[in-house]
Amino acid sequence: MEQKRYLSFPQKLAAGYVGTAEVQTPEVLNMIKFIYGAIPLILTVLITVCLIFMKVEEENATLEKAA
């Protein structure tokens, strides 16, 4: 009977990454692709949306009139 291998919390976060292994599992490779591909894309979209809704020019005009 095969014994189940339980991962500790840090190992779950690392998607089973083993630094000394010659070949990583597909789960680890998918996590690496996500970290270096999807996360920067998500952050770029989030920052772009925030910048679109900023009203810097209007606030500058308001401050110049007040001064």
C-alpha atoms as a PDB file:
ATOM      1  CA  MET A   1       0.000   0.000   0.000  1.00  0.00           C
ATOM      2  CA  GLU A   2       1.343   3.399  -0.974  1.00  0.00           C
ATOM      3  CA  GLN A   3       1.832   5.859   1.836  1.00  0.00           C
ATOM      4  CA  LYS A   4       0.537   9.401   1.285  1.00  0.00           C
ATOM      5  CA  ARG A   5       3.089  12.162   1.579  1.00  0.00           C
ATOM      6  CA  TYR A   6       1.811  15.200   3.431  1.00  0.00           C
ATOM      7  CA  LEU A   7       3.409  18.564   2.796  1.00  0.00           C
ATOM      8  CA  SER A   8       3.998  21.112   5.507  1.00  0.00           C
ATOM      9  CA  PHE A   9       2.569  24.624   5.113  1.00  0.00           C
ATOM     10  CA  PRO A  10       5.775  26.183   3.632  1.00  0.00           C
ATOM     11  CA  GLN A  11       6.080  23.265   1.212  1.00  0.00           C
ATOM     12  CA  LYS A  12       2.486  23.805   0.064  1.00  0.00           C
ATOM     13  CA  LEU A  13       3.260  27.457  -0.597  1.00  0.00           C
ATOM     14  CA  ALA A  14       6.276  26.446  -2.656  1.00  0.00           C
ATOM     15  CA  ALA A  15       4.125  24.040  -4.735  1.00  0.00           C
ATOM     16  CA  GLY A  16       6.462  21.164  -3.859  1.00  0.00           C
ATOM     17  CA  TYR A  17       9.641  22.881  -5.092  1.00  0.00           C
ATOM     18  CA  VAL A  18      12.771  20.911  -4.214  1.00  0.00           C
ATOM     19  CA  GLY A  19      15.937  22.917  -4.758  1.00  0.00           C
ATOM     20  CA  THR A  20      18.197  19.885  -4.937  1.00  0.00           C
ATOM     21  CA  ALA A  21      16.076  17.988  -7.491  1.00  0.00           C
ATOM     22  CA  GLU A  22      17.384  17.680 -11.031  1.00  0.00           C
ATOM     23  CA  VAL A  23      13.873  17.830 -12.493  1.00  0.00           C
ATOM     24  CA  GLN A  24      10.915  19.665 -10.944  1.00  0.00           C
ATOM     25  CA  THR A  25       7.328  18.435 -10.985  1.00  0.00           C
ATOM     26  CA  PRO A  26       4.771  19.911 -13.416  1.00  0.00           C
ATOM     27  CA  GLU A  27       3.058  21.676 -10.497  1.00  0.00           C
ATOM     28  CA  VAL A  28       6.272  23.506  -9.664  1.00  0.00           C
ATOM     29  CA  LEU A  29       6.843  24.481 -13.282  1.00  0.00           C
ATOM     30  CA  ASN A  30       3.291  25.840 -13.511  1.00  0.00           C
ATOM     31  CA  MET A  31       3.813  27.865 -10.337  1.00  0.00           C
ATOM     32  CA  ILE A  32       7.052  29.315 -11.683  1.00  0.00           C
ATOM     33  CA  LYS A  33       5.304  30.290 -14.929  1.00  0.00           C
ATOM     34  CA  PHE A  34       2.510  31.916 -12.916  1.00  0.00           C
ATOM     35  CA  ILE A  35       4.892  33.837 -10.663  1.00  0.00           C
ATOM     36  CA  TYR A  36       6.963  35.205 -13.538  1.00  0.00           C
ATOM     37  CA  GLY A  37       4.133  35.622 -16.051  1.00  0.00           C
ATOM     38  CA  ALA A  38       0.706  36.197 -14.584  1.00  0.00           C
ATOM     39  CA  ILE A  39       1.597  38.165 -11.448  1.00  0.00           C
ATOM     40  CA  PRO A  40       3.446  40.941 -13.337  1.00  0.00           C
ATOM     41  CA  LEU A  41       0.562  41.126 -15.818  1.00  0.00           C
ATOM     42  CA  ILE A  42      -1.997  41.429 -13.002  1.00  0.00           C
ATOM     43  CA  LEU A  43       0.049  44.140 -11.284  1.00  0.00           C
ATOM     44  CA  THR A  44       0.487  46.043 -14.559  1.00  0.00           C
ATOM     45  CA  VAL A  45      -3.258  46.054 -15.191  1.00  0.00           C
ATOM     46  CA  LEU A  46      -3.979  47.099 -11.598  1.00  0.00           C
ATOM     47  CA  ILE A  47      -1.488  49.981 -11.710  1.00  0.00           C
ATOM     48  CA  THR A  48      -2.781  51.102 -15.112  1.00  0.00           C
ATOM     49  CA  VAL A  49      -6.369  51.186 -13.848  1.00  0.00           C
ATOM     50  CA  CYS A  50      -5.296  53.199 -10.800  1.00  0.00           C
ATOM     51  CA  LEU A  51      -3.429  55.684 -12.981  1.00  0.00           C
ATOM     52  CA  ILE A  52      -6.408  56.105 -15.307  1.00  0.00           C
ATOM     53  CA  PHE A  53      -8.655  57.173 -12.444  1.00  0.00           C
ATOM     54  CA  MET A  54      -6.191  59.639 -10.941  1.00  0.00           C
ATOM     55  CA  LYS A  55      -7.113  63.300 -11.444  1.00  0.00           C
ATOM     56  CA  VAL A  56      -3.700  64.899 -11.086  1.00  0.00           C
ATOM     57  CA  GLU A  57      -4.206  67.731 -13.576  1.00  0.00           C
ATOM     58  CA  GLU A  58      -7.512  68.776 -11.973  1.00  0.00           C
ATOM     59  CA  GLU A  59      -5.976  68.759  -8.500  1.00  0.00           C
ATOM     60  CA  ASN A  60      -2.990  70.804  -9.701  1.00  0.00           C
ATOM     61  CA  ALA A  61      -5.328  73.414 -11.169  1.00  0.00           C
ATOM     62  CA  THR A  62      -7.303  73.525  -7.897  1.00  0.00           C
ATOM     63  CA  LEU A  63      -4.111  73.982  -5.861  1.00  0.00           C
ATOM     64  CA  GLU A  64      -2.834  76.742  -8.168  1.00  0.00           C
ATOM     65  CA  LYS A  65      -6.122  78.649  -7.810  1.00  0.00           C
ATOM     66  CA  ALA A  66      -6.016  78.298  -4.012  1.00  0.00           C
ATOM     67  CA  ALA A  67      -2.418  79.566  -3.776  1.00  0.00           C
END
